[in-house]
PDB file of N, CA and C in Angstrom:
ATOM      1  N   MET A   1       0.851  -1.174   0.000  1.00  0.00           N
ATOM      2  CA  MET A   1       0.000   0.000   0.000  1.00  0.00           C
ATOM      3  C   MET A   1       0.894   1.234   0.000  1.00  0.00           C
ATOM      4  N   THR A   2       0.589   2.167  -0.881  1.00  0.00           N
ATOM      5  CA  THR A   2       1.334   3.414  -0.946  1.00  0.00           C
ATOM      6  C   THR A   2       0.536   4.510  -0.277  1.00  0.00           C
ATOM      7  N   VAL A   3       1.179   5.241   0.622  1.00  0.00           N
ATOM      8  CA  VAL A   3       0.531   6.344   1.319  1.00  0.00           C
ATOM      9  C   VAL A   3       1.116   7.641   0.782  1.00  0.00           C
ATOM     10  N   ARG A   4       0.265   8.489   0.264  1.00  0.00           N
ATOM     11  CA  ARG A   4       0.699   9.781  -0.240  1.00  0.00           C
ATOM     12  C   ARG A   4       0.508  10.810   0.864  1.00  0.00           C
ATOM     13  N   VAL A   5       1.566  11.480   1.246  1.00  0.00           N
ATOM     14  CA  VAL A   5       1.482  12.484   2.294  1.00  0.00           C
ATOM     15  C   VAL A   5       0.937  13.767   1.696  1.00  0.00           C
ATOM     16  N   LEU A   6      -0.215  14.195   2.209  1.00  0.00           N
ATOM     17  CA  LEU A   6      -0.865  15.386   1.676  1.00  0.00           C
ATOM     18  C   LEU A   6      -0.316  16.663   2.281  1.00  0.00           C
ATOM     19  N   TRP A   7       0.216  16.580   3.482  1.00  0.00           N
ATOM     20  CA  TRP A   7       0.691  17.774   4.178  1.00  0.00           C
ATOM     21  C   TRP A   7       2.122  17.543   4.669  1.00  0.00           C
ATOM     22  N   PRO A   8       3.091  17.486   3.764  1.00  0.00           N
ATOM     23  CA  PRO A   8       4.444  17.147   4.202  1.00  0.00           C
ATOM     24  C   PRO A   8       5.093  18.208   5.080  1.00  0.00           C
ATOM     25  N   ALA A   9       4.637  19.450   5.023  1.00  0.00           N
ATOM     26  CA  ALA A   9       5.271  20.518   5.789  1.00  0.00           C
ATOM     27  C   ALA A   9       4.785  20.579   7.235  1.00  0.00           C
ATOM     28  N   ILE A  10       3.783  19.828   7.570  1.00  0.00           N
ATOM     29  CA  ILE A  10       3.227  19.877   8.922  1.00  0.00           C
ATOM     30  C   ILE A  10       4.153  19.129   9.872  1.00  0.00           C
ATOM     31  N   GLU A  11       4.541  19.798  10.907  1.00  0.00           N
ATOM     32  CA  GLU A  11       5.319  19.154  11.946  1.00  0.00           C
ATOM     33  C   GLU A  11       4.421  18.987  13.156  1.00  0.00           C
ATOM     34  N   MET A  12       4.343  17.790  13.653  1.00  0.00           N
ATOM     35  CA  MET A  12       3.483  17.538  14.802  1.00  0.00           C
ATOM     36  C   MET A  12       4.137  18.119  16.042  1.00  0.00           C
ATOM     37  N   SER A  13       3.329  18.727  16.891  1.00  0.00           N
ATOM     38  CA  SER A  13       3.845  19.380  18.081  1.00  0.00           C
ATOM     39  C   SER A  13       4.269  18.382  19.149  1.00  0.00           C
ATOM     40  N   ALA A  14       3.699  17.205  19.116  1.00  0.00           N
ATOM     41  CA  ALA A  14       4.044  16.190  20.114  1.00  0.00           C
ATOM     42  C   ALA A  14       3.859  14.814  19.497  1.00  0.00           C
ATOM     43  N   GLU A  15       4.701  13.891  19.851  1.00  0.00           N
ATOM     44  CA  GLU A  15       4.543  12.515  19.408  1.00  0.00           C
ATOM     45  C   GLU A  15       3.681  11.793  20.422  1.00  0.00           C
ATOM     46  N   PRO A  16       2.495  11.375  20.041  1.00  0.00           N
ATOM     47  CA  PRO A  16       1.643  10.639  20.977  1.00  0.00           C
ATOM     48  C   PRO A  16       2.289   9.318  21.368  1.00  0.00           C
ATOM     49  N   GLU A  17       2.015   8.881  22.563  1.00  0.00           N
ATOM     50  CA  GLU A  17       2.548   7.614  23.030  1.00  0.00           C
ATOM     51  C   GLU A  17       1.802   6.462  22.367  1.00  0.00           C
ATOM     52  N   ALA A  18       2.535   5.492  21.931  1.00  0.00           N
ATOM     53  CA  ALA A  18       1.929   4.341  21.267  1.00  0.00           C
ATOM     54  C   ALA A  18       1.057   3.566  22.243  1.00  0.00           C
ATOM     55  N   GLY A  19      -0.107   3.150  21.775  1.00  0.00           N
ATOM     56  CA  GLY A  19      -0.975   2.311  22.568  1.00  0.00           C
ATOM     57  C   GLY A  19      -1.866   3.036  23.564  1.00  0.00           C
ATOM     58  N   VAL A  20      -1.778   4.351  23.629  1.00  0.00           N
ATOM     59  CA  VAL A  20      -2.573   5.094  24.594  1.00  0.00           C
ATOM     60  C   VAL A  20      -3.995   5.283  24.096  1.00  0.00           C
ATOM     61  N   TRP A  21      -4.138   5.514  22.814  1.00  0.00           N
ATOM     62  CA  TRP A  21      -5.442   5.813  22.245  1.00  0.00           C
ATOM     63  C   TRP A  21      -6.071   4.552  21.688  1.00  0.00           C
ATOM     64  N   SER A  22      -7.306   4.307  22.087  1.00  0.00           N
ATOM     65  CA  SER A  22      -8.057   3.171  21.572  1.00  0.00           C
ATOM     66  C   SER A  22      -9.230   3.721  20.772  1.00  0.00           C
ATOM     67  N   PRO A  23      -9.080   3.829  19.450  1.00  0.00           N
ATOM     68  CA  PRO A  23     -10.088   4.501  18.629  1.00  0.00           C
ATOM     69  C   PRO A  23     -11.372   3.700  18.479  1.00  0.00           C
ATOM     70  N   GLU A  24     -12.466   4.438  18.404  1.00  0.00           N
ATOM     71  CA  GLU A  24     -13.743   3.827  18.068  1.00  0.00           C
ATOM     72  C   GLU A  24     -13.826   3.735  16.546  1.00  0.00           C
ATOM     73  N   GLU A  25     -14.620   2.820  16.068  1.00  0.00           N
ATOM     74  CA  GLU A  25     -14.749   2.615  14.624  1.00  0.00           C
ATOM     75  C   GLU A  25     -15.195   3.899  13.923  1.00  0.00           C
ATOM     76  N   LEU A  26     -16.103   4.640  14.537  1.00  0.00           N
ATOM     77  CA  LEU A  26     -16.589   5.887  13.941  1.00  0.00           C
ATOM     78  C   LEU A  26     -15.453   6.887  13.780  1.00  0.00           C
ATOM     79  N   ASP A  27     -14.582   6.995  14.776  1.00  0.00           N
ATOM     80  CA  ASP A  27     -13.462   7.929  14.695  1.00  0.00           C
ATOM     81  C   ASP A  27     -12.510   7.548  13.572  1.00  0.00           C
ATOM     82  N   VAL A  28     -12.256   6.268  13.423  1.00  0.00           N
ATOM     83  CA  VAL A  28     -11.392   5.794  12.342  1.00  0.00           C
ATOM     84  C   VAL A  28     -12.030   6.107  10.985  1.00  0.00           C
ATOM     85  N   THR A  29     -13.333   5.904  10.872  1.00  0.00           N
ATOM     86  CA  THR A  29     -14.038   6.216   9.626  1.00  0.00           C
ATOM     87  C   THR A  29     -13.920   7.694   9.296  1.00  0.00           C
ATOM     88  N   ILE A  30     -14.119   8.549  10.291  1.00  0.00           N
ATOM     89  CA  ILE A  30     -14.014   9.998  10.078  1.00  0.00           C
ATOM     90  C   ILE A  30     -12.599  10.357   9.620  1.00  0.00           C
ATOM     91  N   LEU A  31     -11.592   9.841  10.302  1.00  0.00           N
ATOM     92  CA  LEU A  31     -10.205  10.126   9.925  1.00  0.00           C
ATOM     93  C   LEU A  31      -9.889   9.617   8.520  1.00  0.00           C
ATOM     94  N   ARG A  32     -10.384   8.417   8.199  1.00  0.00           N
ATOM     95  CA  ARG A  32     -10.132   7.843   6.877  1.00  0.00           C
ATOM     96  C   ARG A  32     -10.738   8.711   5.772  1.00  0.00           C
ATOM     97  N   LEU A  33     -11.965   9.148   5.969  1.00  0.00           N
ATOM     98  CA  LEU A  33     -12.617   9.980   4.958  1.00  0.00           C
ATOM     99  C   LEU A  33     -11.885  11.310   4.792  1.00  0.00           C
ATOM    100  N   LEU A  34     -11.470  11.899   5.892  1.00  0.00           N
ATOM    101  CA  LEU A  34     -10.733  13.162   5.813  1.00  0.00           C
ATOM    102  C   LEU A  34      -9.384  12.981   5.129  1.00  0.00           C
ATOM    103  N   SER A  35      -8.737  11.845   5.374  1.00  0.00           N
ATOM    104  CA  SER A  35      -7.438  11.594   4.739  1.00  0.00           C
ATOM    105  C   SER A  35      -7.570  11.458   3.224  1.00  0.00           C
ATOM    106  N   ARG A  36      -8.765  11.148   2.770  1.00  0.00           N
ATOM    107  CA  ARG A  36      -9.025  11.017   1.332  1.00  0.00           C
ATOM    108  C   ARG A  36      -9.497  12.320   0.714  1.00  0.00           C
ATOM    109  N   GLY A  37      -9.425  13.398   1.507  1.00  0.00           N
ATOM    110  CA  GLY A  37      -9.756  14.716   0.974  1.00  0.00           C
ATOM    111  C   GLY A  37     -11.224  15.091   1.046  1.00  0.00           C
ATOM    112  N   ARG A  38     -12.006  14.321   1.783  1.00  0.00           N
ATOM    113  CA  ARG A  38     -13.436  14.629   1.918  1.00  0.00           C
ATOM    114  C   ARG A  38     -13.634  15.819   2.847  1.00  0.00           C
ATOM    115  N   THR A  39     -14.705  16.550   2.653  1.00  0.00           N
ATOM    116  CA  THR A  39     -15.010  17.702   3.495  1.00  0.00           C
ATOM    117  C   THR A  39     -15.734  17.251   4.760  1.00  0.00           C
ATOM    118  N   ILE A  40     -15.752  18.143   5.736  1.00  0.00           N
ATOM    119  CA  ILE A  40     -16.496  17.866   6.971  1.00  0.00           C
ATOM    120  C   ILE A  40     -17.966  17.632   6.636  1.00  0.00           C
ATOM    121  N   GLU A  41     -18.492  18.422   5.729  1.00  0.00           N
ATOM    122  CA  GLU A  41     -19.895  18.286   5.328  1.00  0.00           C
ATOM    123  C   GLU A  41     -20.155  16.885   4.749  1.00  0.00           C
ATOM    124  N   TYR A  42     -19.277  16.426   3.875  1.00  0.00           N
ATOM    125  CA  TYR A  42     -19.423  15.101   3.275  1.00  0.00           C
ATOM    126  C   TYR A  42     -19.344  14.014   4.356  1.00  0.00           C
ATOM    127  N   VAL A  43     -18.334  14.144   5.233  1.00  0.00           N
ATOM    128  CA  VAL A  43     -18.154  13.158   6.297  1.00  0.00           C
ATOM    129  C   VAL A  43     -19.400  13.088   7.171  1.00  0.00           C
ATOM    130  N   ALA A  44     -19.921  14.245   7.542  1.00  0.00           N
ATOM    131  CA  ALA A  44     -21.111  14.290   8.399  1.00  0.00           C
ATOM    132  C   ALA A  44     -22.282  13.565   7.743  1.00  0.00           C
ATOM    133  N   ARG A  45     -22.498  13.808   6.462  1.00  0.00           N
ATOM    134  CA  ARG A  45     -23.583  13.121   5.758  1.00  0.00           C
ATOM    135  C   ARG A  45     -23.329  11.618   5.709  1.00  0.00           C
ATOM    136  N   ARG A  46     -22.097  11.242   5.459  1.00  0.00           N
ATOM    137  CA  ARG A  46     -21.744   9.834   5.302  1.00  0.00           C
ATOM    138  C   ARG A  46     -21.936   9.037   6.595  1.00  0.00           C
ATOM    139  N   VAL A  47     -21.606   9.654   7.732  1.00  0.00           N
ATOM    140  CA  VAL A  47     -21.718   8.934   9.005  1.00  0.00           C
ATOM    141  C   VAL A  47     -22.997   9.293   9.747  1.00  0.00           C
ATOM    142  N   ASP A  48     -23.846  10.086   9.116  1.00  0.00           N
ATOM    143  CA  ASP A  48     -25.155  10.449   9.662  1.00  0.00           C
ATOM    144  C   ASP A  48     -25.050  11.185  11.005  1.00  0.00           C
ATOM    145  N   LEU A  49     -24.176  12.195  11.027  1.00  0.00           N
ATOM    146  CA  LEU A  49     -24.027  13.073  12.181  1.00  0.00           C
ATOM    147  C   LEU A  49     -24.058  14.519  11.691  1.00  0.00           C
ATOM    148  N   SER A  50     -24.217  15.451  12.608  1.00  0.00           N
ATOM    149  CA  SER A  50     -24.141  16.855  12.226  1.00  0.00           C
ATOM    150  C   SER A  50     -22.668  17.225  12.029  1.00  0.00           C
ATOM    151  N   GLU A  51     -22.437  18.296  11.269  1.00  0.00           N
ATOM    152  CA  GLU A  51     -21.071  18.776  11.076  1.00  0.00           C
ATOM    153  C   GLU A  51     -20.449  19.145  12.421  1.00  0.00           C
ATOM    154  N   ARG A  52     -21.241  19.734  13.281  1.00  0.00           N
ATOM    155  CA  ARG A  52     -20.751  20.129  14.600  1.00  0.00           C
ATOM    156  C   ARG A  52     -20.282  18.911  15.406  1.00  0.00           C
ATOM    157  N   THR A  53     -21.034  17.828  15.335  1.00  0.00           N
ATOM    158  CA  THR A  53     -20.655  16.608  16.057  1.00  0.00           C
ATOM    159  C   THR A  53     -19.369  16.025  15.489  1.00  0.00           C
ATOM    160  N   VAL A  54     -19.230  16.034  14.172  1.00  0.00           N
ATOM    161  CA  VAL A  54     -18.000  15.539  13.550  1.00  0.00           C
ATOM    162  C   VAL A  54     -16.814  16.375  14.014  1.00  0.00           C
ATOM    163  N   ARG A  55     -16.972  17.695  14.023  1.00  0.00           N
ATOM    164  CA  ARG A  55     -15.885  18.573  14.480  1.00  0.00           C
ATOM    165  C   ARG A  55     -15.537  18.300  15.949  1.00  0.00           C
ATOM    166  N   ARG A  56     -16.552  18.092  16.767  1.00  0.00           N
ATOM    167  CA  ARG A  56     -16.306  17.795  18.188  1.00  0.00           C
ATOM    168  C   ARG A  56     -15.562  16.473  18.357  1.00  0.00           C
ATOM    169  N   ARG A  57     -15.947  15.473  17.593  1.00  0.00           N
ATOM    170  CA  ARG A  57     -15.262  14.177  17.681  1.00  0.00           C
ATOM    171  C   ARG A  57     -13.813  14.311  17.234  1.00  0.00           C
ATOM    172  N   LEU A  58     -13.589  15.085  16.187  1.00  0.00           N
ATOM    173  CA  LEU A  58     -12.227  15.313  15.710  1.00  0.00           C
ATOM    174  C   LEU A  58     -11.388  16.001  16.781  1.00  0.00           C
ATOM    175  N   ARG A  59     -11.975  16.991  17.439  1.00  0.00           N
ATOM    176  CA  ARG A  59     -11.261  17.704  18.500  1.00  0.00           C
ATOM    177  C   ARG A  59     -10.918  16.736  19.635  1.00  0.00           C
ATOM    178  N   ALA A  60     -11.859  15.860  19.974  1.00  0.00           N
ATOM    179  CA  ALA A  60     -11.626  14.877  21.034  1.00  0.00           C
ATOM    180  C   ALA A  60     -10.519  13.902  20.639  1.00  0.00           C
ATOM    181  N   VAL A  61     -10.511  13.471  19.384  1.00  0.00           N
ATOM    182  CA  VAL A  61      -9.465  12.568  18.906  1.00  0.00           C
ATOM    183  C   VAL A  61      -8.111  13.271  18.981  1.00  0.00           C
ATOM    184  N   ALA A  62      -8.055  14.508  18.513  1.00  0.00           N
ATOM    185  CA  ALA A  62      -6.803  15.269  18.561  1.00  0.00           C
ATOM    186  C   ALA A  62      -6.317  15.413  20.004  1.00  0.00           C
ATOM    187  N   ASP A  63      -7.238  15.699  20.910  1.00  0.00           N
ATOM    188  CA  ASP A  63      -6.873  15.814  22.331  1.00  0.00           C
ATOM    189  C   ASP A  63      -6.340  14.491  22.865  1.00  0.00           C
ATOM    190  N   ASP A  64      -7.007  13.384  22.517  1.00  0.00           N
ATOM    191  CA  ASP A  64      -6.577  12.059  22.974  1.00  0.00           C
ATOM    192  C   ASP A  64      -5.177  11.709  22.455  1.00  0.00           C
ATOM    193  N   LEU A  65      -4.889  12.150  21.236  1.00  0.00           N
ATOM    194  CA  LEU A  65      -3.596  11.862  20.633  1.00  0.00           C
ATOM    195  C   LEU A  65      -2.513  12.834  21.085  1.00  0.00           C
ATOM    196  N   GLY A  66      -2.925  13.929  21.703  1.00  0.00           N
ATOM    197  CA  GLY A  66      -1.951  14.917  22.159  1.00  0.00           C
ATOM    198  C   GLY A  66      -1.426  15.806  21.063  1.00  0.00           C
ATOM    199  N   VAL A  67      -2.232  15.987  20.017  1.00  0.00           N
ATOM    200  CA  VAL A  67      -1.837  16.865  18.921  1.00  0.00           C
ATOM    201  C   VAL A  67      -2.706  18.117  18.944  1.00  0.00           C
ATOM    202  N   ASP A  68      -2.299  19.125  18.158  1.00  0.00           N
ATOM    203  CA  ASP A  68      -2.960  20.424  18.221  1.00  0.00           C
ATOM    204  C   ASP A  68      -4.141  20.612  17.279  1.00  0.00           C
ATOM    205  N   SER A  69      -4.293  19.746  16.291  1.00  0.00           N
ATOM    206  CA  SER A  69      -5.370  19.973  15.325  1.00  0.00           C
ATOM    207  C   SER A  69      -5.866  18.662  14.744  1.00  0.00           C
ATOM    208  N   SER A  70      -7.014  18.754  14.093  1.00  0.00           N
ATOM    209  CA  SER A  70      -7.566  17.565  13.454  1.00  0.00           C
ATOM    210  C   SER A  70      -6.695  17.127  12.275  1.00  0.00           C
ATOM    211  N   ILE A  71      -6.044  18.073  11.627  1.00  0.00           N
ATOM    212  CA  ILE A  71      -5.150  17.721  10.515  1.00  0.00           C
ATOM    213  C   ILE A  71      -3.987  16.883  11.045  1.00  0.00           C
ATOM    214  N   GLU A  72      -3.431  17.295  12.176  1.00  0.00           N
ATOM    215  CA  GLU A  72      -2.354  16.518  12.775  1.00  0.00           C
ATOM    216  C   GLU A  72      -2.840  15.133  13.184  1.00  0.00           C
ATOM    217  N   ALA A  73      -4.078  15.035  13.623  1.00  0.00           N
ATOM    218  CA  ALA A  73      -4.645  13.732  13.987  1.00  0.00           C
ATOM    219  C   ALA A  73      -4.722  12.827  12.758  1.00  0.00           C
ATOM    220  N   VAL A  74      -5.129  13.373  11.622  1.00  0.00           N
ATOM    221  CA  VAL A  74      -5.197  12.599  10.384  1.00  0.00           C
ATOM    222  C   VAL A  74      -3.793  12.170   9.962  1.00  0.00           C
ATOM    223  N   VAL A  75      -2.844  13.096  10.006  1.00  0.00           N
ATOM    224  CA  VAL A  75      -1.464  12.778   9.626  1.00  0.00           C
ATOM    225  C   VAL A  75      -0.912  11.676  10.523  1.00  0.00           C
ATOM    226  N   TYR A  76      -1.142  11.773  11.820  1.00  0.00           N
ATOM    227  CA  TYR A  76      -0.673  10.752  12.751  1.00  0.00           C
ATOM    228  C   TYR A  76      -1.295   9.397  12.425  1.00  0.00           C
ATOM    229  N   ALA A  77      -2.600   9.381  12.177  1.00  0.00           N
ATOM    230  CA  ALA A  77      -3.288   8.126  11.875  1.00  0.00           C
ATOM    231  C   ALA A  77      -2.726   7.474  10.620  1.00  0.00           C
ATOM    232  N   VAL A  78      -2.365   8.289   9.636  1.00  0.00           N
ATOM    233  CA  VAL A  78      -1.740   7.749   8.416  1.00  0.00           C
ATOM    234  C   VAL A  78      -0.355   7.209   8.737  1.00  0.00           C
ATOM    235  N   ARG A  79       0.427   7.964   9.507  1.00  0.00           N
ATOM    236  CA  ARG A  79       1.798   7.565   9.839  1.00  0.00           C
ATOM    237  C   ARG A  79       1.870   6.244  10.588  1.00  0.00           C
ATOM    238  N   VAL A  80       0.942   6.012  11.486  1.00  0.00           N
ATOM    239  CA  VAL A  80       0.999   4.776  12.275  1.00  0.00           C
ATOM    240  C   VAL A  80       0.236   3.629  11.622  1.00  0.00           C
ATOM    241  N   GLY A  81      -0.347   3.890  10.459  1.00  0.00           N
ATOM    242  CA  GLY A  81      -1.034   2.832   9.727  1.00  0.00           C
ATOM    243  C   GLY A  81      -2.436   2.539  10.223  1.00  0.00           C
ATOM    244  N   LEU A  82      -2.999   3.475  10.979  1.00  0.00           N
ATOM    245  CA  LEU A  82      -4.355   3.280  11.488  1.00  0.00           C
ATOM    246  C   LEU A  82      -5.372   3.362  10.357  1.00  0.00           C
ATOM    247  N   ILE A  83      -5.094   4.204   9.402  1.00  0.00           N
ATOM    248  CA  ILE A  83      -6.011   4.371   8.263  1.00  0.00           C
ATOM    249  C   ILE A  83      -5.246   4.223   6.969  1.00  0.00           C
TER     250      ILE A  83
END
């Protein structure tokens, strides 16, 4: 599998500890869709949630991973092979 890095200039502010985060299937789905360039609006429709709920879940995932943004959360998930 080839992974294309969409944001090579992004430097993560912190390296999350391995094994600390136990993702829910919905969170992985949201991250996967975002990594494929989908919009928040598209993701929300796809998982049958409001855009606000998707944004809140992304913020929670970023907090759990110890990163500063949802983009960093997506990059981390790609780097560790989660998505």
